[in-house]
Amino acid sequence: MPRNHSQLDTERASGRLTIPLDVRAACRQEEVESGEAPLAGLSRCREITPEGGTFAYEVRFFEGQGVHPLQAEIRISAPLQLECSRCMEPVVQTVSVASRVTFVFSDEQAEHVETETEPVVLGREGRIRLVDLLEDEILMAVPLMPVHEEACSDLASGRAYESGRIDESASEEGSENPFAALAALKKGPGGGD
């Protein structure tokens, strides 16, 4: 079966992501790396990857001002399969990343990076695999409490507490109001009123 152009572009982009990139040269030449790649190629994201999911990315390298001039602007859009915090069922959410990073060569240099950028420590060779950089950014963008955009599906009665929803019909039919019992105790002997 012949492959279409978008499939070939995705394969080329995936290959480019794994080749170590000379960050100094990329910043000097103001390189822009962009494309789409399969999320399955990100080893640390495999547990949150929807089947056949791809992510779009753009990394613009440039030389900034200041002590650490090697920088990049990163934009990513990636669908992630997570667990809804309300109903505990799978939910696919698209995360969008827009960040700026500063490349440094040691942890000591990373401590002195401007607060509006994230430090990325390079090896002595000054190279980085884009796949590692993009994967880090995606993992940092995973929402802490993912939820379905629309109301979660009907829940089994035994899971109402987990979802944060209370079955109102059960509470109306069930026991008396606990505050009424408290008021009765307060009015009783020695209750004060």
Protein backbone atom coordinates (compact mmCIF):
# COMPACT_ATOMS: atom_id res chain seq x y z
CA MET A 1 0.00 0.00 0.00
CA PRO A 2 1.57 3.35 -1.01
CA ARG A 3 2.15 5.90 1.75
CA ASN A 4 0.71 9.39 1.43
CA HIS A 5 2.69 12.62 1.76
CA SER A 6 1.55 13.41 5.30
CA GLN A 7 2.61 9.93 6.42
CA LEU A 8 6.07 10.44 4.90
CA ASP A 9 6.36 13.91 6.46
CA THR A 10 5.49 12.46 9.88
CA GLU A 11 8.13 9.74 9.49
CA ARG A 12 10.78 12.29 8.45
CA ALA A 13 9.87 14.54 11.38
CA SER A 14 10.14 11.60 13.79
CA GLY A 15 13.60 10.76 12.45
CA ARG A 16 14.82 14.36 12.82
CA LEU A 17 13.66 14.44 16.42
CA THR A 18 16.07 11.69 17.50
CA ILE A 19 19.23 13.14 15.89
CA PRO A 20 21.33 15.17 18.37
CA LEU A 21 21.14 18.83 17.38
CA ASP A 22 23.99 21.34 17.81
CA VAL A 23 22.20 24.00 19.88
CA ARG A 24 24.81 26.75 19.32
CA ALA A 25 24.60 26.38 15.55
CA ALA A 26 20.80 26.16 15.61
CA CYS A 27 20.54 29.38 17.66
CA ARG A 28 23.11 31.22 15.52
CA GLN A 29 21.24 30.26 12.33
CA GLU A 30 17.82 30.87 13.93
CA GLU A 31 16.64 27.43 12.88
CA VAL A 32 12.98 26.47 13.11
CA GLU A 33 12.08 22.82 13.57
CA SER A 34 8.41 21.97 13.09
CA GLY A 35 6.15 19.13 12.10
CA GLU A 36 4.00 16.32 13.41
CA ALA A 37 5.19 13.11 15.02
CA PRO A 38 3.57 10.06 16.63
CA LEU A 39 3.15 10.28 20.40
CA ALA A 40 4.09 6.59 20.57
CA GLY A 41 7.67 7.68 19.78
CA LEU A 42 7.88 9.40 23.19
CA SER A 43 8.84 6.58 25.54
CA ARG A 44 7.87 8.37 28.78
CA CYS A 45 4.43 9.31 27.37
CA ARG A 46 3.35 5.82 26.26
CA GLU A 47 0.90 5.36 29.17
CA ILE A 48 -0.97 8.55 28.24
CA THR A 49 -0.93 8.15 24.46
CA PRO A 50 -4.23 7.64 22.62
CA GLU A 51 -4.03 5.02 19.88
CA GLY A 52 -2.60 6.56 16.72
CA GLY A 53 -2.15 9.96 18.42
CA THR A 54 0.22 12.51 16.94
CA PHE A 55 1.50 15.81 18.28
CA ALA A 56 2.32 19.02 16.41
CA TYR A 57 5.39 21.01 17.40
CA GLU A 58 7.43 24.07 16.50
CA VAL A 59 10.78 24.94 18.06
CA ARG A 60 12.30 28.30 17.10
CA PHE A 61 15.97 28.67 18.12
CA PHE A 62 17.54 32.11 18.53
CA GLU A 63 20.26 34.04 20.32
CA GLY A 64 18.83 36.21 23.07
CA GLN A 65 20.41 38.93 25.19
CA GLY A 66 22.23 38.46 28.46
CA VAL A 67 24.65 36.01 30.00
CA HIS A 68 22.95 32.91 28.56
CA PRO A 69 21.99 33.81 24.99
CA LEU A 70 21.08 30.35 23.63
CA GLN A 71 17.29 30.18 23.69
CA ALA A 72 14.26 28.61 22.01
CA GLU A 73 10.53 29.15 21.88
CA ILE A 74 8.53 25.94 21.92
CA ARG A 75 4.93 25.36 20.84
CA ILE A 76 3.27 21.94 21.10
CA SER A 77 -0.25 20.63 20.73
CA ALA A 78 -0.78 17.03 21.85
CA PRO A 79 -3.84 14.90 22.64
CA LEU A 80 -3.31 12.84 25.80
CA GLN A 81 -5.40 9.98 27.13
CA LEU A 82 -5.79 10.56 30.85
CA GLU A 83 -8.10 9.43 33.66
CA CYS A 84 -10.97 11.76 34.51
CA SER A 85 -10.74 12.85 38.16
CA ARG A 86 -14.53 12.82 38.52
CA CYS A 87 -15.60 9.50 37.00
CA MET A 88 -12.23 7.68 36.73
CA GLU A 89 -12.97 6.85 33.07
CA PRO A 90 -10.58 7.64 30.18
CA VAL A 91 -10.69 11.18 28.80
CA VAL A 92 -8.69 12.55 25.87
CA GLN A 93 -7.52 16.11 26.47
CA THR A 94 -5.41 18.23 24.17
CA VAL A 95 -2.61 20.06 25.93
CA SER A 96 -1.08 23.17 24.43
CA VAL A 97 2.43 24.25 25.32
CA ALA A 98 3.92 27.68 24.70
CA SER A 99 7.21 28.08 26.54
CA ARG A 100 10.62 29.65 26.28
CA VAL A 101 13.78 27.83 27.31
CA THR A 102 17.36 28.92 27.92
CA PHE A 103 20.14 26.44 27.21
CA VAL A 104 22.97 26.27 29.76
CA PHE A 105 25.91 23.96 30.36
CA SER A 106 25.72 23.29 34.11
CA ASP A 107 23.32 23.18 37.05
CA GLU A 108 25.11 26.25 38.47
CA GLN A 109 24.33 28.23 35.30
CA ALA A 110 20.71 27.00 35.45
CA GLU A 111 20.30 28.71 38.85
CA HIS A 112 20.98 32.10 37.21
CA VAL A 113 18.53 31.88 34.33
CA GLU A 114 15.86 34.57 34.06
CA THR A 115 12.62 33.58 35.77
CA GLU A 116 10.48 33.86 32.63
CA THR A 117 12.39 31.05 30.90
CA GLU A 118 13.02 27.42 31.82
CA PRO A 119 16.65 26.29 32.01
CA VAL A 120 17.68 23.26 29.95
CA VAL A 121 21.08 21.81 30.84
CA LEU A 122 23.07 20.59 27.81
CA GLY A 123 25.93 18.13 27.84
CA ARG A 124 29.50 19.27 27.19
CA GLU A 125 28.97 18.75 23.46
CA GLY A 126 26.17 21.34 23.45
CA ARG A 127 23.76 18.97 21.71
CA ILE A 128 20.21 17.91 22.49
CA ARG A 129 17.74 15.49 20.98
CA LEU A 130 14.56 17.39 20.19
CA VAL A 131 12.50 14.35 21.18
CA ASP A 132 13.78 14.70 24.78
CA LEU A 133 13.05 18.42 24.89
CA LEU A 134 9.52 18.02 23.49
CA GLU A 135 8.73 15.07 25.75
CA ASP A 136 9.76 17.07 28.83
CA GLU A 137 7.48 19.93 27.78
CA ILE A 138 4.50 17.61 27.20
CA LEU A 139 4.96 15.90 30.57
CA MET A 140 5.09 19.27 32.35
CA ALA A 141 1.81 20.25 30.65
CA VAL A 142 -0.20 17.21 31.83
CA PRO A 143 -3.14 18.62 33.83
CA LEU A 144 -3.22 17.71 37.52
CA MET A 145 -6.97 17.02 37.53
CA PRO A 146 -8.20 16.13 34.03
CA VAL A 147 -11.98 16.01 33.60
CA HIS A 148 -14.45 15.46 30.80
CA GLU A 149 -15.58 18.76 29.23
CA GLU A 150 -19.18 17.57 29.29
CA ALA A 151 -20.94 15.88 32.20
CA CYS A 152 -19.48 12.50 33.01
CA SER A 153 -21.58 9.48 32.09
CA ASP A 154 -23.99 8.04 34.67
CA LEU A 155 -22.05 6.52 37.50
CA ALA A 156 -22.60 3.32 39.37
CA SER A 157 -24.18 4.10 42.75
CA GLY A 158 -21.16 2.70 44.57
CA ARG A 159 -18.88 5.30 42.97
CA ALA A 160 -20.83 8.46 43.83
CA TYR A 161 -18.31 9.58 46.44
CA GLU A 162 -15.36 9.20 44.05
CA SER A 163 -17.07 11.39 41.49
CA GLY A 164 -18.03 14.18 43.85
CA ARG A 165 -21.69 13.69 42.86
CA ILE A 166 -24.36 12.72 45.33
CA ASP A 167 -27.40 10.75 44.28
CA GLU A 168 -30.07 13.23 45.44
CA SER A 169 -32.94 10.76 45.21
CA ALA A 170 -31.16 8.43 47.65
CA SER A 171 -30.49 11.24 50.13
CA GLU A 172 -34.11 12.47 50.05
CA GLU A 173 -35.54 9.00 50.71
CA GLY A 174 -32.86 8.06 53.20
CA SER A 175 -32.17 9.10 56.77
CA GLU A 176 -33.16 12.33 58.47
CA ASN A 177 -31.21 15.54 58.22
CA PRO A 178 -28.11 15.32 60.46
CA PHE A 179 -28.41 19.03 61.29
CA ALA A 180 -31.95 18.47 62.64
CA ALA A 181 -30.55 15.84 65.02
CA LEU A 182 -27.84 18.29 66.13
CA ALA A 183 -30.46 21.01 66.76
CA ALA A 184 -32.51 18.58 68.85
CA LEU A 185 -29.47 17.74 70.97
CA LYS A 186 -28.75 21.42 71.45
CA LYS A 187 -32.33 22.11 72.67
CA GLY A 188 -32.33 19.12 75.00
CA PRO A 189 -31.39 19.11 78.70
CA GLY A 190 -28.23 21.11 79.28
CA GLY A 191 -28.23 22.24 75.60
CA GLY A 192 -28.54 25.88 76.50
CA ASP A 193 -31.45 27.29 74.43
